[in-house]
């Protein structure tokens, strides 16, 4: 019977795994943060767009039509921003 004996350094292995888990978590968190930030920025931009167009005197229908073209929103989504 042949056996291969190696030294097992639990502390070293745990440190390595911990670093991997940290890096994975960091990357996941970064991606989630970017997605959330982009969505939040888009919403703020749309609100600013609506506010400006209301100040200029455009009707809700005109603004909805432009939002559908510019922001690729559905009519229901665009109308929701007008109501806010």
C-alpha atoms as a PDB file:
ATOM      1  CA  UNK A   1       0.000   0.000   0.000  1.00  0.00           C
ATOM      2  CA  UNK A   2       1.331   3.398  -0.999  1.00  0.00           C
ATOM      3  CA  UNK A   3       0.384   6.516   0.883  1.00  0.00           C
ATOM      4  CA  UNK A   4       1.216  10.108   0.244  1.00  0.00           C
ATOM      5  CA  UNK A   5       1.652  12.135   3.351  1.00  0.00           C
ATOM      6  CA  UNK A   6       1.628  15.886   3.126  1.00  0.00           C
ATOM      7  CA  UNK A   7       1.611  18.576   5.702  1.00  0.00           C
ATOM      8  CA  UNK A   8      -1.679  20.318   6.202  1.00  0.00           C
ATOM      9  CA  UNK A   9      -1.475  23.858   7.448  1.00  0.00           C
ATOM     10  CA  UNK A  10      -5.032  24.705   8.455  1.00  0.00           C
ATOM     11  CA  UNK A  11      -4.208  28.338   9.168  1.00  0.00           C
ATOM     12  CA  UNK A  12      -2.682  28.813   5.711  1.00  0.00           C
ATOM     13  CA  UNK A  13      -5.613  27.096   3.981  1.00  0.00           C
ATOM     14  CA  UNK A  14      -8.194  29.114   5.923  1.00  0.00           C
ATOM     15  CA  UNK A  15      -6.348  32.341   5.175  1.00  0.00           C
ATOM     16  CA  UNK A  16      -6.311  31.495   1.469  1.00  0.00           C
ATOM     17  CA  UNK A  17     -10.006  30.576   1.445  1.00  0.00           C
ATOM     18  CA  UNK A  18     -10.866  33.684   3.419  1.00  0.00           C
ATOM     19  CA  UNK A  19      -9.080  35.844   0.861  1.00  0.00           C
ATOM     20  CA  UNK A  20     -10.933  34.123  -2.008  1.00  0.00           C
ATOM     21  CA  UNK A  21     -14.288  34.567  -0.301  1.00  0.00           C
ATOM     22  CA  UNK A  22     -13.497  38.213   0.413  1.00  0.00           C
ATOM     23  CA  UNK A  23     -12.563  38.860  -3.208  1.00  0.00           C
ATOM     24  CA  UNK A  24     -15.706  37.113  -4.467  1.00  0.00           C
ATOM     25  CA  UNK A  25     -17.869  39.086  -2.054  1.00  0.00           C
ATOM     26  CA  UNK A  26     -16.134  42.329  -2.940  1.00  0.00           C
ATOM     27  CA  UNK A  27     -16.725  41.769  -6.650  1.00  0.00           C
ATOM     28  CA  UNK A  28     -20.371  40.801  -6.104  1.00  0.00           C
ATOM     29  CA  UNK A  29     -20.896  43.866  -3.934  1.00  0.00           C
ATOM     30  CA  UNK A  30     -19.203  46.110  -6.457  1.00  0.00           C
ATOM     31  CA  UNK A  31     -21.385  44.820  -9.293  1.00  0.00           C
ATOM     32  CA  UNK A  32     -24.538  45.221  -7.211  1.00  0.00           C
ATOM     33  CA  UNK A  33     -23.491  48.738  -6.214  1.00  0.00           C
ATOM     34  CA  UNK A  34     -22.833  49.740  -9.800  1.00  0.00           C
ATOM     35  CA  UNK A  35     -26.193  48.399 -10.946  1.00  0.00           C
ATOM     36  CA  UNK A  36     -27.986  50.173  -8.103  1.00  0.00           C
ATOM     37  CA  UNK A  37     -26.109  53.405  -8.781  1.00  0.00           C
ATOM     38  CA  UNK A  38     -26.915  53.321 -12.476  1.00  0.00           C
ATOM     39  CA  UNK A  39     -30.603  52.704 -11.787  1.00  0.00           C
ATOM     40  CA  UNK A  40     -30.696  55.503  -9.229  1.00  0.00           C
ATOM     41  CA  UNK A  41     -28.903  57.888 -11.589  1.00  0.00           C
ATOM     42  CA  UNK A  42     -31.279  57.052 -14.427  1.00  0.00           C
ATOM     43  CA  UNK A  43     -34.291  57.687 -12.189  1.00  0.00           C
ATOM     44  CA  UNK A  44     -32.868  61.050 -11.097  1.00  0.00           C
ATOM     45  CA  UNK A  45     -32.184  61.974 -14.714  1.00  0.00           C
ATOM     46  CA  UNK A  46     -35.718  61.083 -15.741  1.00  0.00           C
ATOM     47  CA  UNK A  47     -37.162  63.132 -12.864  1.00  0.00           C
ATOM     48  CA  UNK A  48     -35.040  66.111 -13.928  1.00  0.00           C
ATOM     49  CA  UNK A  49     -36.162  65.623 -17.539  1.00  0.00           C
ATOM     50  CA  UNK A  50     -39.833  65.580 -16.501  1.00  0.00           C
ATOM     51  CA  UNK A  51     -39.442  68.629 -14.232  1.00  0.00           C
ATOM     52  CA  UNK A  52     -37.713  70.632 -16.935  1.00  0.00           C
ATOM     53  CA  UNK A  53     -40.294  69.759 -19.576  1.00  0.00           C
ATOM     54  CA  UNK A  54     -43.171  70.630 -17.239  1.00  0.00           C
ATOM     55  CA  UNK A  55     -41.533  74.005 -16.525  1.00  0.00           C
ATOM     56  CA  UNK A  56     -41.174  74.626 -20.258  1.00  0.00           C
ATOM     57  CA  UNK A  57     -44.896  73.996 -20.606  1.00  0.00           C
ATOM     58  CA  UNK A  58     -45.026  70.667 -22.398  1.00  0.00           C
ATOM     59  CA  UNK A  59     -48.064  68.487 -21.833  1.00  0.00           C
ATOM     60  CA  UNK A  60     -47.890  65.161 -20.043  1.00  0.00           C
ATOM     61  CA  UNK A  61     -48.564  63.344 -23.314  1.00  0.00           C
ATOM     62  CA  UNK A  62     -45.675  65.096 -25.058  1.00  0.00           C
ATOM     63  CA  UNK A  63     -43.314  64.285 -22.209  1.00  0.00           C
ATOM     64  CA  UNK A  64     -44.419  60.634 -22.115  1.00  0.00           C
ATOM     65  CA  UNK A  65     -43.870  60.357 -25.866  1.00  0.00           C
ATOM     66  CA  UNK A  66     -40.352  61.801 -25.578  1.00  0.00           C
ATOM     67  CA  UNK A  67     -39.494  59.603 -22.595  1.00  0.00           C
ATOM     68  CA  UNK A  68     -40.502  56.494 -24.536  1.00  0.00           C
ATOM     69  CA  UNK A  69     -38.126  57.494 -27.344  1.00  0.00           C
ATOM     70  CA  UNK A  70     -35.229  58.811 -25.275  1.00  0.00           C
ATOM     71  CA  UNK A  71     -35.205  56.429 -22.309  1.00  0.00           C
ATOM     72  CA  UNK A  72     -36.755  53.358 -24.005  1.00  0.00           C
ATOM     73  CA  UNK A  73     -39.483  53.188 -21.372  1.00  0.00           C
ATOM     74  CA  UNK A  74     -42.862  51.577 -21.793  1.00  0.00           C
ATOM     75  CA  UNK A  75     -45.849  53.902 -21.798  1.00  0.00           C
ATOM     76  CA  UNK A  76     -46.835  52.687 -18.309  1.00  0.00           C
ATOM     77  CA  UNK A  77     -43.342  53.355 -16.924  1.00  0.00           C
ATOM     78  CA  UNK A  78     -43.236  56.824 -18.474  1.00  0.00           C
ATOM     79  CA  UNK A  79     -46.669  57.701 -17.111  1.00  0.00           C
ATOM     80  CA  UNK A  80     -45.576  56.595 -13.644  1.00  0.00           C
ATOM     81  CA  UNK A  81     -42.755  59.182 -13.720  1.00  0.00           C
ATOM     82  CA  UNK A  82     -45.229  61.892 -14.752  1.00  0.00           C
ATOM     83  CA  UNK A  83     -47.436  61.068 -11.757  1.00  0.00           C
ATOM     84  CA  UNK A  84     -44.511  61.318  -9.341  1.00  0.00           C
END
